[in-house]
């Protein structure tokens, strides 16, 4: 509930901050795949992501928006083997992240039919690690602060529909542990496709 409220707050603030002469509100969906890197890759492997977003153009080049998503990753093979050895039974590990993000987007000049853009944001990542064995299951959840940045391109189909692609680097504080067992930042790279629907005033 808190995560949904945070997302709606971001969207409503963005919409309220825009004068009536600005472009309309845009909402949409995205989906793709992700890959943990760095220390986080020691426990998690590739997975998928889904999301909902809303954004508002402030002028011809700058937009602000909010996003909520779901990311799901399988366990690293070596990590699962170590867990299975310790438990003396087969053990599976999954990592899920629910990011609630606010972001800014800078739209570059048109390149043919494409509108390339740069994007940067921040927010909260609710992380849940789940361990399942043949005779037990356990999970642990925590919420961490993180940053993300990247870029992509949008392609307008008509006045109401746009599709796009983007790649983002997520830097999540305290989401992993280093070789000594101390907390370290976790990193995830995501690549996604999206569909956006315009709601003009």
Protein backbone atom coordinates (compact mmCIF):
# COMPACT_ATOMS: atom_id res chain seq x y z
CA UNK A 1 0.00 0.00 0.00
CA UNK A 2 2.81 2.43 0.87
CA UNK A 3 4.53 1.71 -2.45
CA UNK A 4 1.36 2.36 -4.44
CA UNK A 5 0.72 5.58 -2.53
CA UNK A 6 4.26 6.77 -3.24
CA UNK A 7 3.81 6.14 -6.97
CA UNK A 8 0.47 7.92 -7.14
CA UNK A 9 1.89 10.88 -5.23
CA UNK A 10 4.69 11.26 -7.77
CA UNK A 11 2.26 11.16 -10.70
CA UNK A 12 -0.21 13.61 -9.15
CA UNK A 13 2.53 16.10 -8.26
CA UNK A 14 3.88 15.91 -11.82
CA UNK A 15 0.45 16.54 -13.32
CA UNK A 16 -0.36 19.42 -10.98
CA UNK A 17 2.93 21.18 -11.69
CA UNK A 18 2.24 21.59 -15.43
CA UNK A 19 0.43 24.62 -16.89
CA UNK A 20 -2.62 24.08 -19.07
CA UNK A 21 -0.70 24.98 -22.22
CA UNK A 22 1.75 22.09 -21.81
CA UNK A 23 1.48 18.76 -23.56
CA UNK A 24 -0.87 16.15 -22.09
CA UNK A 25 -0.23 13.39 -19.60
CA UNK A 26 1.20 10.10 -20.87
CA UNK A 27 0.77 6.70 -19.23
CA UNK A 28 1.91 3.27 -20.27
CA UNK A 29 3.39 -0.13 -19.65
CA UNK A 30 6.85 -1.61 -20.09
CA UNK A 31 8.41 -5.06 -20.04
CA UNK A 32 11.82 -6.56 -20.64
CA UNK A 33 14.69 -8.41 -19.04
CA UNK A 34 17.32 -7.59 -16.46
CA UNK A 35 20.74 -8.78 -15.37
CA UNK A 36 22.27 -8.31 -11.91
CA UNK A 37 25.95 -7.35 -12.06
CA UNK A 38 28.74 -6.88 -9.53
CA UNK A 39 28.24 -8.33 -6.04
CA UNK A 40 24.52 -8.91 -6.67
CA UNK A 41 25.35 -11.35 -9.48
CA UNK A 42 26.89 -13.65 -6.85
CA UNK A 43 23.38 -14.57 -5.68
CA UNK A 44 21.02 -13.71 -8.58
CA UNK A 45 20.93 -14.36 -12.33
CA UNK A 46 19.00 -12.95 -15.28
CA UNK A 47 15.27 -12.36 -15.07
CA UNK A 48 12.33 -10.32 -16.32
CA UNK A 49 10.66 -7.02 -15.42
CA UNK A 50 7.24 -5.40 -15.83
CA UNK A 51 6.11 -1.89 -15.02
CA UNK A 52 3.57 0.92 -15.16
CA UNK A 53 4.54 4.54 -15.64
CA UNK A 54 3.12 8.01 -16.02
CA UNK A 55 4.88 11.16 -17.17
CA UNK A 56 4.22 14.75 -18.08
CA UNK A 57 6.09 16.90 -20.59
CA UNK A 58 7.12 20.20 -19.00
CA UNK A 59 8.21 21.60 -22.36
CA UNK A 60 9.44 20.24 -25.70
CA UNK A 61 12.51 18.61 -24.14
CA UNK A 62 11.92 17.94 -20.44
CA UNK A 63 9.53 15.45 -18.83
CA UNK A 64 9.02 14.30 -15.25
CA UNK A 65 7.43 11.01 -14.31
CA UNK A 66 6.82 8.19 -11.88
CA UNK A 67 7.06 4.43 -12.24
CA UNK A 68 6.28 1.27 -10.29
CA UNK A 69 7.51 -2.13 -11.41
CA UNK A 70 8.20 -5.76 -10.65
CA UNK A 71 11.56 -7.40 -11.31
CA UNK A 72 12.11 -11.13 -10.77
CA UNK A 73 15.46 -12.94 -10.92
CA UNK A 74 16.51 -16.56 -10.51
CA UNK A 75 19.33 -17.68 -8.27
CA UNK A 76 22.98 -17.86 -9.26
CA UNK A 77 23.83 -21.53 -9.98
CA UNK A 78 26.89 -21.61 -7.70
CA UNK A 79 24.98 -19.88 -4.91
CA UNK A 80 22.14 -22.41 -5.13
CA UNK A 81 24.66 -25.28 -5.12
CA UNK A 82 26.25 -23.90 -1.96
CA UNK A 83 22.83 -23.57 -0.30
CA UNK A 84 21.90 -27.10 -1.37
CA UNK A 85 25.15 -28.46 0.05
CA UNK A 86 24.57 -26.74 3.39
CA UNK A 87 20.94 -27.91 3.59
CA UNK A 88 21.63 -31.42 2.22
CA UNK A 89 18.69 -31.01 -0.15
CA UNK A 90 17.86 -29.14 -3.35
CA UNK A 91 17.42 -25.43 -2.75
CA UNK A 92 16.15 -22.72 -5.12
CA UNK A 93 16.64 -19.00 -4.62
CA UNK A 94 14.71 -16.12 -6.20
CA UNK A 95 15.10 -12.37 -5.86
CA UNK A 96 12.26 -9.94 -6.49
CA UNK A 97 12.42 -6.17 -6.57
CA UNK A 98 9.55 -3.69 -6.59
CA UNK A 99 10.97 -0.30 -7.59
CA UNK A 100 8.97 2.88 -6.94
CA UNK A 101 10.74 5.64 -8.82
CA UNK A 102 10.57 9.31 -9.74
CA UNK A 103 12.54 10.38 -12.79
CA UNK A 104 13.38 13.15 -15.18
CA UNK A 105 13.77 12.75 -18.92
CA UNK A 106 15.57 14.97 -21.43
CA UNK A 107 14.39 14.48 -25.01
CA UNK A 108 17.06 15.11 -27.63
CA UNK A 109 16.39 16.31 -31.16
CA UNK A 110 14.53 14.01 -33.54
CA UNK A 111 16.65 11.51 -35.48
CA UNK A 112 14.45 10.46 -38.40
CA UNK A 113 11.39 8.80 -36.87
CA UNK A 114 13.10 8.33 -33.50
CA UNK A 115 13.08 10.64 -30.49
CA UNK A 116 16.16 9.70 -28.43
CA UNK A 117 16.23 10.62 -24.75
CA UNK A 118 18.32 10.52 -21.60
CA UNK A 119 16.79 9.62 -18.26
CA UNK A 120 17.79 9.72 -14.58
CA UNK A 121 15.83 9.01 -11.41
CA UNK A 122 15.77 7.87 -7.82
CA UNK A 123 13.46 6.01 -5.49
CA UNK A 124 12.89 3.00 -3.29
CA UNK A 125 13.47 -0.65 -4.14
CA UNK A 126 11.57 -3.21 -2.07
CA UNK A 127 13.68 -6.37 -2.24
CA UNK A 128 12.57 -9.89 -1.32
CA UNK A 129 14.90 -12.87 -1.35
CA UNK A 130 13.12 -16.23 -1.19
CA UNK A 131 14.81 -19.55 -0.44
CA UNK A 132 12.87 -22.76 -1.09
CA UNK A 133 14.04 -26.25 -0.18
CA UNK A 134 12.37 -29.63 -0.21
CA UNK A 135 11.42 -29.36 3.47
CA UNK A 136 11.45 -25.62 4.14
CA UNK A 137 11.03 -22.16 2.68
CA UNK A 138 12.08 -18.76 3.97
CA UNK A 139 12.04 -15.19 2.74
CA UNK A 140 13.59 -11.91 3.79
CA UNK A 141 12.44 -8.45 2.70
CA UNK A 142 13.93 -4.99 2.98
CA UNK A 143 13.53 -1.61 1.31
CA UNK A 144 16.60 0.20 -0.05
CA UNK A 145 17.24 3.56 -1.66
CA UNK A 146 18.58 3.58 -5.20
CA UNK A 147 19.45 5.61 -8.27
CA UNK A 148 19.02 4.82 -11.94
CA UNK A 149 20.08 6.37 -15.22
CA UNK A 150 20.19 5.49 -18.90
CA UNK A 151 18.57 6.33 -22.18
CA UNK A 152 16.47 5.13 -25.06
CA UNK A 153 14.31 6.17 -27.97
CA UNK A 154 10.59 6.69 -28.61
CA UNK A 155 8.78 6.11 -31.90
CA UNK A 156 5.42 7.81 -32.48
CA UNK A 157 2.75 5.63 -34.08
CA UNK A 158 0.02 8.29 -34.03
CA UNK A 159 -1.12 11.19 -31.83
CA UNK A 160 -2.21 8.79 -29.09
CA UNK A 161 0.28 5.91 -29.21
CA UNK A 162 4.06 5.72 -28.93
CA UNK A 163 6.35 2.71 -28.55
CA UNK A 164 9.86 2.83 -27.23
CA UNK A 165 12.95 1.07 -25.94
CA UNK A 166 15.28 1.94 -23.09
CA UNK A 167 18.24 0.67 -21.13
CA UNK A 168 18.76 1.59 -17.47
CA UNK A 169 21.45 1.05 -14.88
CA UNK A 170 20.09 0.64 -11.34
CA UNK A 171 22.40 1.32 -8.38
CA UNK A 172 20.77 0.11 -5.14
CA UNK A 173 22.45 0.96 -1.84
CA UNK A 174 22.97 -1.96 0.54
CA UNK A 175 21.33 -4.50 -1.76
CA UNK A 176 24.27 -6.94 -1.86
CA UNK A 177 27.22 -8.09 0.25
CA UNK A 178 30.91 -8.18 -0.58
CA UNK A 179 33.39 -11.01 -0.02
CA UNK A 180 33.74 -10.14 3.68
CA UNK A 181 29.99 -10.20 4.29
CA UNK A 182 29.60 -6.43 4.61
CA UNK A 183 26.78 -4.63 2.81
CA UNK A 184 27.58 -3.25 -0.63
CA UNK A 185 25.60 -1.64 -3.42
CA UNK A 186 23.75 -3.92 -5.81
CA UNK A 187 23.59 -3.18 -9.52
CA UNK A 188 21.07 -4.27 -12.15
CA UNK A 189 20.96 -3.50 -15.86
CA UNK A 190 17.51 -3.58 -17.50
CA UNK A 191 16.50 -3.45 -21.16
CA UNK A 192 12.82 -2.83 -21.89
CA UNK A 193 10.21 -2.13 -24.51
CA UNK A 194 7.26 0.15 -23.78
CA UNK A 195 3.88 1.35 -25.01
CA UNK A 196 2.72 4.84 -24.04
CA UNK A 197 -0.75 6.32 -24.44
CA UNK A 198 -1.26 10.10 -24.58
CA UNK A 199 -4.10 11.78 -22.70
CA UNK A 200 -4.19 15.29 -24.18
CA UNK A 201 -5.98 18.20 -22.57
